[in-house]
N, C-alpha and C. Protein backbone atom coordinates (compact mmCIF):
# COMPACT_ATOMS: atom_id res chain seq x y z
N UNK A 1 1.37 12.69 -29.31
CA UNK A 1 1.62 11.83 -28.18
C UNK A 1 1.06 10.45 -28.48
N UNK A 2 1.84 9.42 -28.21
CA UNK A 2 1.41 8.04 -28.38
C UNK A 2 0.88 7.54 -27.05
N UNK A 3 -0.34 7.01 -27.08
CA UNK A 3 -0.93 6.47 -25.86
C UNK A 3 -0.59 4.99 -25.79
N UNK A 4 -0.20 4.55 -24.64
CA UNK A 4 0.15 3.16 -24.40
C UNK A 4 -0.79 2.62 -23.34
N UNK A 5 -1.41 1.47 -23.62
CA UNK A 5 -2.30 0.86 -22.64
C UNK A 5 -1.46 0.01 -21.68
N UNK A 6 -1.56 0.35 -20.40
CA UNK A 6 -0.82 -0.36 -19.38
C UNK A 6 -1.82 -1.06 -18.48
N UNK A 7 -1.61 -2.34 -18.24
CA UNK A 7 -2.47 -3.08 -17.33
C UNK A 7 -1.67 -3.50 -16.11
N UNK A 8 -2.39 -3.84 -15.09
CA UNK A 8 -1.76 -4.22 -13.84
C UNK A 8 -2.32 -5.57 -13.40
N UNK A 9 -1.46 -6.52 -13.18
CA UNK A 9 -1.87 -7.82 -12.64
C UNK A 9 -1.60 -7.79 -11.15
N UNK A 10 -2.54 -8.30 -10.39
CA UNK A 10 -2.40 -8.32 -8.93
C UNK A 10 -2.39 -9.78 -8.48
N UNK A 11 -1.47 -10.07 -7.59
CA UNK A 11 -1.35 -11.43 -7.06
C UNK A 11 -0.86 -11.38 -5.63
N UNK A 12 -1.01 -12.51 -4.94
CA UNK A 12 -0.47 -12.64 -3.58
C UNK A 12 1.05 -12.54 -3.67
N UNK A 13 1.65 -11.77 -2.80
CA UNK A 13 3.11 -11.64 -2.76
C UNK A 13 3.73 -12.96 -2.31
N UNK A 14 4.95 -13.18 -2.74
CA UNK A 14 5.74 -14.31 -2.27
C UNK A 14 7.04 -13.77 -1.70
N UNK A 15 7.80 -14.62 -1.05
CA UNK A 15 9.07 -14.17 -0.48
C UNK A 15 10.04 -13.71 -1.57
N UNK A 16 9.81 -14.12 -2.80
CA UNK A 16 10.65 -13.65 -3.91
C UNK A 16 10.43 -12.17 -4.19
N UNK A 17 9.36 -11.59 -3.68
CA UNK A 17 9.03 -10.18 -3.91
C UNK A 17 9.61 -9.24 -2.87
N UNK A 18 10.25 -9.77 -1.85
CA UNK A 18 10.66 -8.96 -0.71
C UNK A 18 11.51 -7.76 -1.12
N UNK A 19 12.53 -7.96 -1.90
CA UNK A 19 13.43 -6.85 -2.26
C UNK A 19 12.72 -5.83 -3.12
N UNK A 20 11.85 -6.28 -4.03
CA UNK A 20 11.10 -5.35 -4.87
C UNK A 20 10.12 -4.53 -4.03
N UNK A 21 9.47 -5.17 -3.07
CA UNK A 21 8.56 -4.47 -2.16
C UNK A 21 9.33 -3.44 -1.34
N UNK A 22 10.48 -3.84 -0.83
CA UNK A 22 11.32 -2.94 -0.04
C UNK A 22 11.73 -1.72 -0.88
N UNK A 23 12.14 -1.95 -2.12
CA UNK A 23 12.55 -0.86 -3.00
C UNK A 23 11.37 0.06 -3.32
N UNK A 24 10.20 -0.52 -3.54
CA UNK A 24 9.00 0.28 -3.81
C UNK A 24 8.65 1.14 -2.60
N UNK A 25 8.74 0.56 -1.41
CA UNK A 25 8.48 1.32 -0.19
C UNK A 25 9.45 2.49 -0.07
N UNK A 26 10.72 2.24 -0.32
CA UNK A 26 11.73 3.30 -0.19
C UNK A 26 11.45 4.43 -1.19
N UNK A 27 11.19 4.08 -2.45
CA UNK A 27 10.91 5.10 -3.46
C UNK A 27 9.67 5.91 -3.08
N UNK A 28 8.63 5.23 -2.66
CA UNK A 28 7.37 5.90 -2.31
C UNK A 28 7.54 6.82 -1.12
N UNK A 29 8.20 6.32 -0.08
CA UNK A 29 8.40 7.12 1.11
C UNK A 29 9.24 8.36 0.80
N UNK A 30 10.30 8.21 0.02
CA UNK A 30 11.12 9.39 -0.32
C UNK A 30 10.31 10.41 -1.09
N UNK A 31 9.53 9.95 -2.04
CA UNK A 31 8.73 10.89 -2.84
C UNK A 31 7.67 11.59 -2.00
N UNK A 32 7.08 10.87 -1.06
CA UNK A 32 5.98 11.43 -0.27
C UNK A 32 6.45 12.21 0.97
N UNK A 33 7.58 11.83 1.55
CA UNK A 33 7.90 12.34 2.88
C UNK A 33 9.25 13.04 3.03
N UNK A 34 10.08 13.09 2.02
CA UNK A 34 11.38 13.75 2.18
C UNK A 34 11.23 15.19 2.64
N UNK A 35 10.29 15.94 2.05
CA UNK A 35 10.11 17.35 2.42
C UNK A 35 9.62 17.50 3.85
N UNK A 36 8.86 16.52 4.32
CA UNK A 36 8.27 16.58 5.64
C UNK A 36 9.21 16.07 6.74
N UNK A 37 9.89 14.94 6.45
CA UNK A 37 10.70 14.27 7.47
C UNK A 37 12.20 14.37 7.24
N UNK A 38 12.61 14.64 6.01
CA UNK A 38 14.02 14.62 5.65
C UNK A 38 14.41 13.24 5.13
N UNK A 39 15.31 13.22 4.16
CA UNK A 39 15.70 11.97 3.49
C UNK A 39 16.33 10.97 4.44
N UNK A 40 17.17 11.43 5.37
CA UNK A 40 17.82 10.49 6.30
C UNK A 40 16.79 9.82 7.21
N UNK A 41 15.83 10.59 7.71
CA UNK A 41 14.78 10.01 8.58
C UNK A 41 13.92 9.04 7.79
N UNK A 42 13.63 9.36 6.54
CA UNK A 42 12.86 8.44 5.69
C UNK A 42 13.61 7.14 5.52
N UNK A 43 14.91 7.20 5.27
CA UNK A 43 15.71 5.97 5.15
C UNK A 43 15.64 5.14 6.43
N UNK A 44 15.74 5.81 7.57
CA UNK A 44 15.66 5.10 8.86
C UNK A 44 14.31 4.41 9.03
N UNK A 45 13.23 5.10 8.70
CA UNK A 45 11.88 4.55 8.84
C UNK A 45 11.70 3.35 7.92
N UNK A 46 12.11 3.47 6.68
CA UNK A 46 11.96 2.36 5.73
C UNK A 46 12.79 1.17 6.19
N UNK A 47 14.01 1.43 6.64
CA UNK A 47 14.85 0.32 7.12
C UNK A 47 14.23 -0.39 8.31
N UNK A 48 13.54 0.38 9.17
CA UNK A 48 12.90 -0.22 10.35
C UNK A 48 11.56 -0.87 10.00
N UNK A 49 10.68 -0.17 9.32
CA UNK A 49 9.32 -0.64 9.07
C UNK A 49 9.23 -1.64 7.92
N UNK A 50 10.23 -1.65 7.07
CA UNK A 50 10.24 -2.56 5.91
C UNK A 50 11.49 -3.42 5.91
N UNK A 51 11.93 -3.80 7.10
CA UNK A 51 13.09 -4.68 7.22
C UNK A 51 12.79 -5.99 6.48
N UNK A 52 13.80 -6.51 5.84
CA UNK A 52 13.63 -7.69 4.99
C UNK A 52 13.01 -8.85 5.77
N UNK A 53 13.48 -9.12 6.96
CA UNK A 53 12.92 -10.22 7.76
C UNK A 53 11.46 -9.98 8.12
N UNK A 54 11.12 -8.73 8.43
CA UNK A 54 9.73 -8.40 8.76
C UNK A 54 8.82 -8.54 7.54
N UNK A 55 9.31 -8.12 6.37
CA UNK A 55 8.53 -8.29 5.15
C UNK A 55 8.30 -9.77 4.85
N UNK A 56 9.34 -10.57 5.05
CA UNK A 56 9.19 -12.01 4.83
C UNK A 56 8.12 -12.58 5.75
N UNK A 57 8.12 -12.19 6.99
CA UNK A 57 7.11 -12.66 7.94
C UNK A 57 5.72 -12.18 7.55
N UNK A 58 5.60 -10.91 7.16
CA UNK A 58 4.30 -10.37 6.76
C UNK A 58 3.73 -11.10 5.56
N UNK A 59 4.57 -11.35 4.58
CA UNK A 59 4.12 -12.06 3.38
C UNK A 59 3.75 -13.50 3.72
N UNK A 60 4.61 -14.17 4.45
CA UNK A 60 4.35 -15.57 4.81
C UNK A 60 3.10 -15.70 5.67
N UNK A 61 2.90 -14.77 6.59
CA UNK A 61 1.76 -14.82 7.51
C UNK A 61 0.42 -14.65 6.80
N UNK A 62 0.41 -13.98 5.65
CA UNK A 62 -0.86 -13.76 4.95
C UNK A 62 -1.18 -14.86 3.94
N UNK A 63 -0.20 -15.64 3.58
CA UNK A 63 -0.40 -16.66 2.55
C UNK A 63 -1.46 -17.68 2.98
N UNK A 64 -2.48 -17.85 2.15
CA UNK A 64 -3.52 -18.84 2.41
C UNK A 64 -4.56 -18.44 3.44
N UNK A 65 -4.49 -17.22 3.96
CA UNK A 65 -5.46 -16.77 4.96
C UNK A 65 -6.64 -16.09 4.30
N UNK A 66 -7.83 -16.31 4.85
CA UNK A 66 -9.04 -15.65 4.33
C UNK A 66 -9.20 -14.26 4.94
N UNK A 67 -8.46 -13.94 6.00
CA UNK A 67 -8.63 -12.67 6.69
C UNK A 67 -7.40 -11.76 6.58
N UNK A 68 -6.55 -12.01 5.60
CA UNK A 68 -5.36 -11.18 5.42
C UNK A 68 -4.85 -11.35 3.99
N UNK A 69 -4.14 -10.36 3.52
CA UNK A 69 -3.55 -10.43 2.18
C UNK A 69 -2.35 -9.51 2.09
N UNK A 70 -1.39 -9.90 1.32
CA UNK A 70 -0.25 -9.05 0.96
C UNK A 70 -0.13 -9.20 -0.55
N UNK A 71 -0.59 -8.18 -1.26
CA UNK A 71 -0.68 -8.24 -2.72
C UNK A 71 0.38 -7.36 -3.37
N UNK A 72 0.83 -7.78 -4.54
CA UNK A 72 1.70 -6.94 -5.37
C UNK A 72 1.02 -6.74 -6.71
N UNK A 73 1.27 -5.58 -7.29
CA UNK A 73 0.79 -5.28 -8.64
C UNK A 73 2.00 -5.28 -9.56
N UNK A 74 1.86 -6.01 -10.64
CA UNK A 74 2.87 -6.06 -11.67
C UNK A 74 2.27 -5.47 -12.93
N UNK A 75 3.10 -5.15 -13.91
CA UNK A 75 2.56 -4.50 -15.09
C UNK A 75 2.88 -5.20 -16.39
N UNK A 76 2.13 -4.78 -17.38
CA UNK A 76 2.34 -5.25 -18.74
C UNK A 76 2.17 -4.09 -19.68
N UNK A 77 3.14 -3.85 -20.51
CA UNK A 77 3.06 -2.80 -21.51
C UNK A 77 2.53 -3.43 -22.78
N UNK A 78 1.25 -3.15 -23.10
CA UNK A 78 0.61 -3.77 -24.26
C UNK A 78 1.28 -3.37 -25.57
N UNK A 79 1.96 -2.22 -25.60
CA UNK A 79 2.60 -1.78 -26.83
C UNK A 79 3.82 -2.64 -27.16
N UNK A 80 4.51 -3.13 -26.14
CA UNK A 80 5.70 -3.93 -26.38
C UNK A 80 5.40 -5.42 -26.33
N UNK A 81 4.26 -5.78 -25.74
CA UNK A 81 3.91 -7.20 -25.65
C UNK A 81 4.83 -7.98 -24.74
N UNK A 82 5.42 -7.30 -23.76
CA UNK A 82 6.37 -7.95 -22.87
C UNK A 82 5.75 -9.00 -21.97
N UNK A 83 4.43 -8.98 -21.81
CA UNK A 83 3.82 -9.86 -20.84
C UNK A 83 4.03 -9.30 -19.45
N UNK A 84 3.61 -10.01 -18.47
CA UNK A 84 3.75 -9.52 -17.11
C UNK A 84 5.13 -9.83 -16.58
N UNK A 85 5.90 -8.79 -16.43
CA UNK A 85 7.23 -8.92 -15.86
C UNK A 85 7.09 -8.93 -14.35
N UNK A 86 8.13 -9.32 -13.66
CA UNK A 86 8.05 -9.35 -12.21
C UNK A 86 8.54 -8.02 -11.64
N UNK A 87 7.93 -6.94 -12.10
CA UNK A 87 8.25 -5.64 -11.55
C UNK A 87 7.14 -5.25 -10.58
N UNK A 88 7.53 -4.88 -9.40
CA UNK A 88 6.57 -4.48 -8.37
C UNK A 88 6.25 -3.01 -8.60
N UNK A 89 5.04 -2.76 -9.09
CA UNK A 89 4.60 -1.38 -9.29
C UNK A 89 3.95 -0.82 -8.04
N UNK A 90 3.50 -1.71 -7.17
CA UNK A 90 2.87 -1.31 -5.93
C UNK A 90 2.53 -2.53 -5.11
N UNK A 91 2.17 -2.29 -3.86
CA UNK A 91 1.80 -3.40 -2.98
C UNK A 91 0.81 -2.92 -1.93
N UNK A 92 0.06 -3.87 -1.39
CA UNK A 92 -0.92 -3.57 -0.34
C UNK A 92 -0.94 -4.72 0.65
N UNK A 93 -1.14 -4.39 1.91
CA UNK A 93 -1.10 -5.38 3.00
C UNK A 93 -2.27 -5.11 3.93
N UNK A 94 -3.12 -6.12 4.13
CA UNK A 94 -4.28 -6.01 5.01
C UNK A 94 -4.26 -7.14 6.02
N UNK A 95 -4.56 -6.80 7.27
CA UNK A 95 -4.73 -7.76 8.36
C UNK A 95 -5.97 -7.35 9.15
N UNK A 96 -6.51 -8.21 10.00
CA UNK A 96 -7.64 -7.79 10.83
C UNK A 96 -7.23 -6.67 11.79
N UNK A 97 -8.15 -5.72 12.00
CA UNK A 97 -7.92 -4.66 12.99
C UNK A 97 -7.86 -5.33 14.35
N UNK A 98 -6.88 -5.02 15.18
CA UNK A 98 -6.69 -5.74 16.45
C UNK A 98 -7.91 -5.75 17.38
N UNK A 99 -8.67 -4.65 17.41
CA UNK A 99 -9.80 -4.57 18.33
C UNK A 99 -11.13 -5.00 17.72
N UNK A 100 -11.16 -5.28 16.41
CA UNK A 100 -12.43 -5.61 15.76
C UNK A 100 -12.15 -6.43 14.49
N UNK A 101 -12.39 -7.71 14.56
CA UNK A 101 -12.07 -8.62 13.45
C UNK A 101 -12.96 -8.42 12.23
N UNK A 102 -13.99 -7.58 12.34
CA UNK A 102 -14.82 -7.30 11.16
C UNK A 102 -14.25 -6.15 10.32
N UNK A 103 -13.16 -5.56 10.80
CA UNK A 103 -12.51 -4.45 10.12
C UNK A 103 -11.16 -4.90 9.60
N UNK A 104 -10.91 -4.69 8.30
CA UNK A 104 -9.60 -4.95 7.73
C UNK A 104 -8.74 -3.72 7.86
N UNK A 105 -7.52 -3.89 8.36
CA UNK A 105 -6.60 -2.79 8.54
C UNK A 105 -5.63 -2.77 7.36
N UNK A 106 -5.75 -1.77 6.52
CA UNK A 106 -4.87 -1.59 5.38
C UNK A 106 -3.59 -0.95 5.90
N UNK A 107 -2.67 -1.80 6.34
CA UNK A 107 -1.45 -1.30 6.97
C UNK A 107 -0.48 -0.68 5.98
N UNK A 108 -0.56 -1.14 4.72
CA UNK A 108 0.36 -0.64 3.71
C UNK A 108 -0.34 -0.63 2.35
N UNK A 109 -0.22 0.49 1.65
CA UNK A 109 -0.60 0.57 0.25
C UNK A 109 0.31 1.61 -0.37
N UNK A 110 1.30 1.15 -1.12
CA UNK A 110 2.29 2.04 -1.71
C UNK A 110 2.48 1.69 -3.17
N UNK A 111 2.71 2.72 -3.97
CA UNK A 111 2.92 2.59 -5.41
C UNK A 111 4.19 3.35 -5.75
N UNK A 112 4.97 2.77 -6.67
CA UNK A 112 6.17 3.48 -7.14
C UNK A 112 5.79 4.86 -7.66
N UNK A 113 6.53 5.88 -7.32
CA UNK A 113 6.19 7.24 -7.75
C UNK A 113 6.05 7.40 -9.25
N UNK A 114 6.83 6.66 -10.04
CA UNK A 114 6.71 6.78 -11.49
C UNK A 114 5.40 6.17 -12.02
N UNK A 115 4.65 5.50 -11.14
CA UNK A 115 3.37 4.90 -11.51
C UNK A 115 2.19 5.63 -10.86
N UNK A 116 2.45 6.70 -10.10
CA UNK A 116 1.36 7.44 -9.48
C UNK A 116 0.43 7.96 -10.57
N UNK A 117 -0.85 7.83 -10.35
CA UNK A 117 -1.83 8.31 -11.30
C UNK A 117 -2.13 7.33 -12.42
N UNK A 118 -1.53 6.15 -12.38
CA UNK A 118 -1.72 5.15 -13.44
C UNK A 118 -2.71 4.06 -13.06
N UNK A 119 -3.38 4.18 -11.91
CA UNK A 119 -4.39 3.21 -11.52
C UNK A 119 -3.88 2.02 -10.72
N UNK A 120 -2.62 2.01 -10.36
CA UNK A 120 -2.06 0.87 -9.62
C UNK A 120 -2.69 0.77 -8.24
N UNK A 121 -2.75 1.87 -7.52
CA UNK A 121 -3.34 1.86 -6.18
C UNK A 121 -4.80 1.46 -6.22
N UNK A 122 -5.54 1.98 -7.18
CA UNK A 122 -6.95 1.63 -7.32
C UNK A 122 -7.11 0.15 -7.63
N UNK A 123 -6.27 -0.38 -8.51
CA UNK A 123 -6.33 -1.81 -8.85
C UNK A 123 -6.05 -2.67 -7.62
N UNK A 124 -5.05 -2.29 -6.84
CA UNK A 124 -4.75 -3.04 -5.61
C UNK A 124 -5.92 -2.98 -4.64
N UNK A 125 -6.48 -1.80 -4.45
CA UNK A 125 -7.60 -1.65 -3.52
C UNK A 125 -8.81 -2.47 -3.97
N UNK A 126 -9.12 -2.44 -5.25
CA UNK A 126 -10.25 -3.22 -5.76
C UNK A 126 -10.01 -4.72 -5.58
N UNK A 127 -8.78 -5.16 -5.79
CA UNK A 127 -8.46 -6.58 -5.59
C UNK A 127 -8.63 -6.98 -4.13
N UNK A 128 -8.22 -6.10 -3.21
CA UNK A 128 -8.40 -6.37 -1.78
C UNK A 128 -9.88 -6.45 -1.43
N UNK A 129 -10.65 -5.52 -1.92
CA UNK A 129 -12.08 -5.50 -1.62
C UNK A 129 -12.76 -6.77 -2.15
N UNK A 130 -12.36 -7.21 -3.34
CA UNK A 130 -12.93 -8.43 -3.91
C UNK A 130 -12.51 -9.65 -3.09
N UNK A 131 -11.25 -9.73 -2.75
CA UNK A 131 -10.73 -10.89 -2.03
C UNK A 131 -11.22 -10.96 -0.59
N UNK A 132 -11.42 -9.81 0.04
CA UNK A 132 -11.71 -9.80 1.47
C UNK A 132 -13.09 -9.27 1.82
N UNK A 133 -13.91 -8.98 0.82
CA UNK A 133 -15.24 -8.41 1.06
C UNK A 133 -16.15 -9.28 1.89
N UNK A 134 -15.99 -10.60 1.81
CA UNK A 134 -16.80 -11.51 2.62
C UNK A 134 -16.27 -11.63 4.04
N UNK A 135 -15.05 -11.21 4.26
CA UNK A 135 -14.41 -11.33 5.58
C UNK A 135 -14.62 -10.08 6.43
N UNK A 136 -14.53 -8.91 5.80
CA UNK A 136 -14.59 -7.65 6.53
C UNK A 136 -15.80 -6.83 6.10
N UNK A 137 -16.36 -6.09 7.06
CA UNK A 137 -17.42 -5.13 6.78
C UNK A 137 -16.85 -3.81 6.28
N UNK A 138 -15.66 -3.48 6.81
CA UNK A 138 -15.03 -2.20 6.53
C UNK A 138 -13.53 -2.36 6.36
N UNK A 139 -12.92 -1.41 5.66
CA UNK A 139 -11.47 -1.28 5.60
C UNK A 139 -11.10 0.01 6.29
N UNK A 140 -9.99 -0.01 7.02
CA UNK A 140 -9.50 1.16 7.74
C UNK A 140 -8.03 1.36 7.39
N UNK A 141 -7.62 2.61 7.31
CA UNK A 141 -6.22 2.93 7.07
C UNK A 141 -5.86 4.19 7.83
N UNK A 142 -4.57 4.40 8.00
CA UNK A 142 -4.07 5.62 8.62
C UNK A 142 -3.03 6.22 7.68
N UNK A 143 -3.09 7.53 7.52
CA UNK A 143 -2.15 8.24 6.64
C UNK A 143 -1.69 9.48 7.39
N UNK A 144 -0.41 9.82 7.25
CA UNK A 144 0.07 11.03 7.91
C UNK A 144 -0.78 12.21 7.48
N UNK A 145 -1.17 13.00 8.44
CA UNK A 145 -2.09 14.12 8.18
C UNK A 145 -1.53 15.12 7.17
N UNK A 146 -0.22 15.18 6.99
CA UNK A 146 0.40 16.10 6.04
C UNK A 146 0.65 15.46 4.67
N UNK A 147 0.22 14.23 4.48
CA UNK A 147 0.41 13.52 3.21
C UNK A 147 -0.78 13.80 2.29
N UNK A 148 -0.71 14.89 1.57
CA UNK A 148 -1.83 15.31 0.73
C UNK A 148 -2.17 14.28 -0.35
N UNK A 149 -1.16 13.64 -0.93
CA UNK A 149 -1.39 12.63 -1.96
C UNK A 149 -2.13 11.43 -1.36
N UNK A 150 -1.68 10.96 -0.20
CA UNK A 150 -2.32 9.82 0.44
C UNK A 150 -3.75 10.12 0.85
N UNK A 151 -3.99 11.31 1.36
CA UNK A 151 -5.33 11.72 1.76
C UNK A 151 -6.23 11.84 0.53
N UNK A 152 -5.72 12.45 -0.52
CA UNK A 152 -6.49 12.60 -1.75
C UNK A 152 -6.87 11.24 -2.33
N UNK A 153 -5.92 10.30 -2.36
CA UNK A 153 -6.21 8.96 -2.86
C UNK A 153 -7.28 8.29 -2.00
N UNK A 154 -7.12 8.36 -0.70
CA UNK A 154 -8.06 7.71 0.22
C UNK A 154 -9.47 8.25 0.04
N UNK A 155 -9.60 9.55 -0.02
CA UNK A 155 -10.92 10.16 -0.18
C UNK A 155 -11.52 9.84 -1.55
N UNK A 156 -10.71 9.86 -2.60
CA UNK A 156 -11.20 9.51 -3.94
C UNK A 156 -11.65 8.05 -4.01
N UNK A 157 -11.05 7.20 -3.19
CA UNK A 157 -11.39 5.78 -3.16
C UNK A 157 -12.60 5.49 -2.26
N UNK A 158 -13.18 6.54 -1.68
CA UNK A 158 -14.39 6.36 -0.89
C UNK A 158 -14.18 6.25 0.61
N UNK A 159 -12.96 6.44 1.07
CA UNK A 159 -12.70 6.41 2.52
C UNK A 159 -13.15 7.73 3.13
N UNK A 160 -13.67 7.65 4.35
CA UNK A 160 -14.12 8.83 5.10
C UNK A 160 -13.25 8.98 6.34
N UNK A 161 -12.91 10.23 6.67
CA UNK A 161 -12.11 10.52 7.86
C UNK A 161 -12.93 10.19 9.10
N UNK A 162 -12.36 9.37 10.01
CA UNK A 162 -13.08 8.99 11.23
C UNK A 162 -12.35 9.39 12.51
N UNK A 163 -11.05 9.68 12.41
CA UNK A 163 -10.31 10.02 13.63
C UNK A 163 -8.95 10.61 13.26
N UNK A 164 -8.35 11.26 14.24
CA UNK A 164 -6.97 11.73 14.14
C UNK A 164 -6.26 11.23 15.38
N UNK A 165 -5.02 10.78 15.18
CA UNK A 165 -4.26 10.26 16.32
C UNK A 165 -2.80 10.67 16.20
N UNK A 166 -2.11 10.67 17.32
CA UNK A 166 -0.69 11.02 17.34
C UNK A 166 0.14 9.86 16.81
N UNK A 167 1.33 10.19 16.33
CA UNK A 167 2.28 9.16 15.90
C UNK A 167 3.51 9.24 16.80
N UNK A 168 4.40 8.28 16.62
CA UNK A 168 5.67 8.34 17.35
C UNK A 168 6.76 8.98 16.49
N UNK A 169 6.37 9.59 15.37
CA UNK A 169 7.32 10.27 14.51
C UNK A 169 7.63 11.65 15.07
N UNK A 170 8.76 12.23 14.66
CA UNK A 170 9.14 13.55 15.19
C UNK A 170 8.19 14.65 14.74
N UNK A 171 8.38 15.80 15.32
CA UNK A 171 7.68 17.03 14.95
C UNK A 171 6.20 17.00 15.29
N UNK A 172 5.76 16.13 16.18
CA UNK A 172 4.36 16.09 16.57
C UNK A 172 3.41 15.74 15.44
N UNK A 173 3.87 14.93 14.51
CA UNK A 173 3.03 14.56 13.36
C UNK A 173 1.85 13.71 13.80
N UNK A 174 0.74 13.94 13.14
CA UNK A 174 -0.48 13.17 13.42
C UNK A 174 -0.85 12.33 12.21
N UNK A 175 -1.64 11.28 12.48
CA UNK A 175 -2.20 10.45 11.43
C UNK A 175 -3.70 10.71 11.35
N UNK A 176 -4.19 10.70 10.14
CA UNK A 176 -5.63 10.74 9.92
C UNK A 176 -6.07 9.30 9.65
N UNK A 177 -7.11 8.86 10.35
CA UNK A 177 -7.63 7.52 10.18
C UNK A 177 -8.86 7.61 9.29
N UNK A 178 -8.90 6.76 8.28
CA UNK A 178 -9.98 6.72 7.29
C UNK A 178 -10.60 5.34 7.28
N UNK A 179 -11.88 5.30 6.87
CA UNK A 179 -12.59 4.02 6.85
C UNK A 179 -13.61 4.02 5.71
N UNK A 180 -13.87 2.84 5.18
CA UNK A 180 -14.92 2.69 4.16
C UNK A 180 -15.54 1.32 4.29
N UNK A 181 -16.79 1.22 3.88
CA UNK A 181 -17.49 -0.07 3.85
C UNK A 181 -17.04 -0.85 2.63
N UNK A 182 -17.04 -2.18 2.80
CA UNK A 182 -16.73 -3.05 1.65
C UNK A 182 -17.91 -3.96 1.37
């Protein structure tokens, strides 16, 4: 087996990233939730929650802010020397928690399924902590209680379960809320 060193560059998203972010969200949601929600429902959720206009607003709203970020991770294959291509391997979006401005709400952290286990999510999370550590005391996220991969990642990254809440998704699905100090 030939080992290839892959690195991930993280930067603030721009409106040029919208379609790549949307595609990454769709791939991630299908891989994580098709068995739980069904492929058609996943498509509906992605179309609603990751609508192109909403993504443009989310990206634009975080640009230049000290209390928010919308980051994308791009990659470089050191074996080919391609440099950093504009491929979205993952993305993360943080805004202040509505009830407590000392808490950053990690509203989105998704990685393309073909990159799961390659350190993309960890790289994004570390970049957020570095960029926003002076702004927030804690980071908080919510993950569907049946998303074993999301829960495993959150716990491995140092997040602790602090609450469970209902969602507006079908089948009485619940979200687990996690939090960690930064």
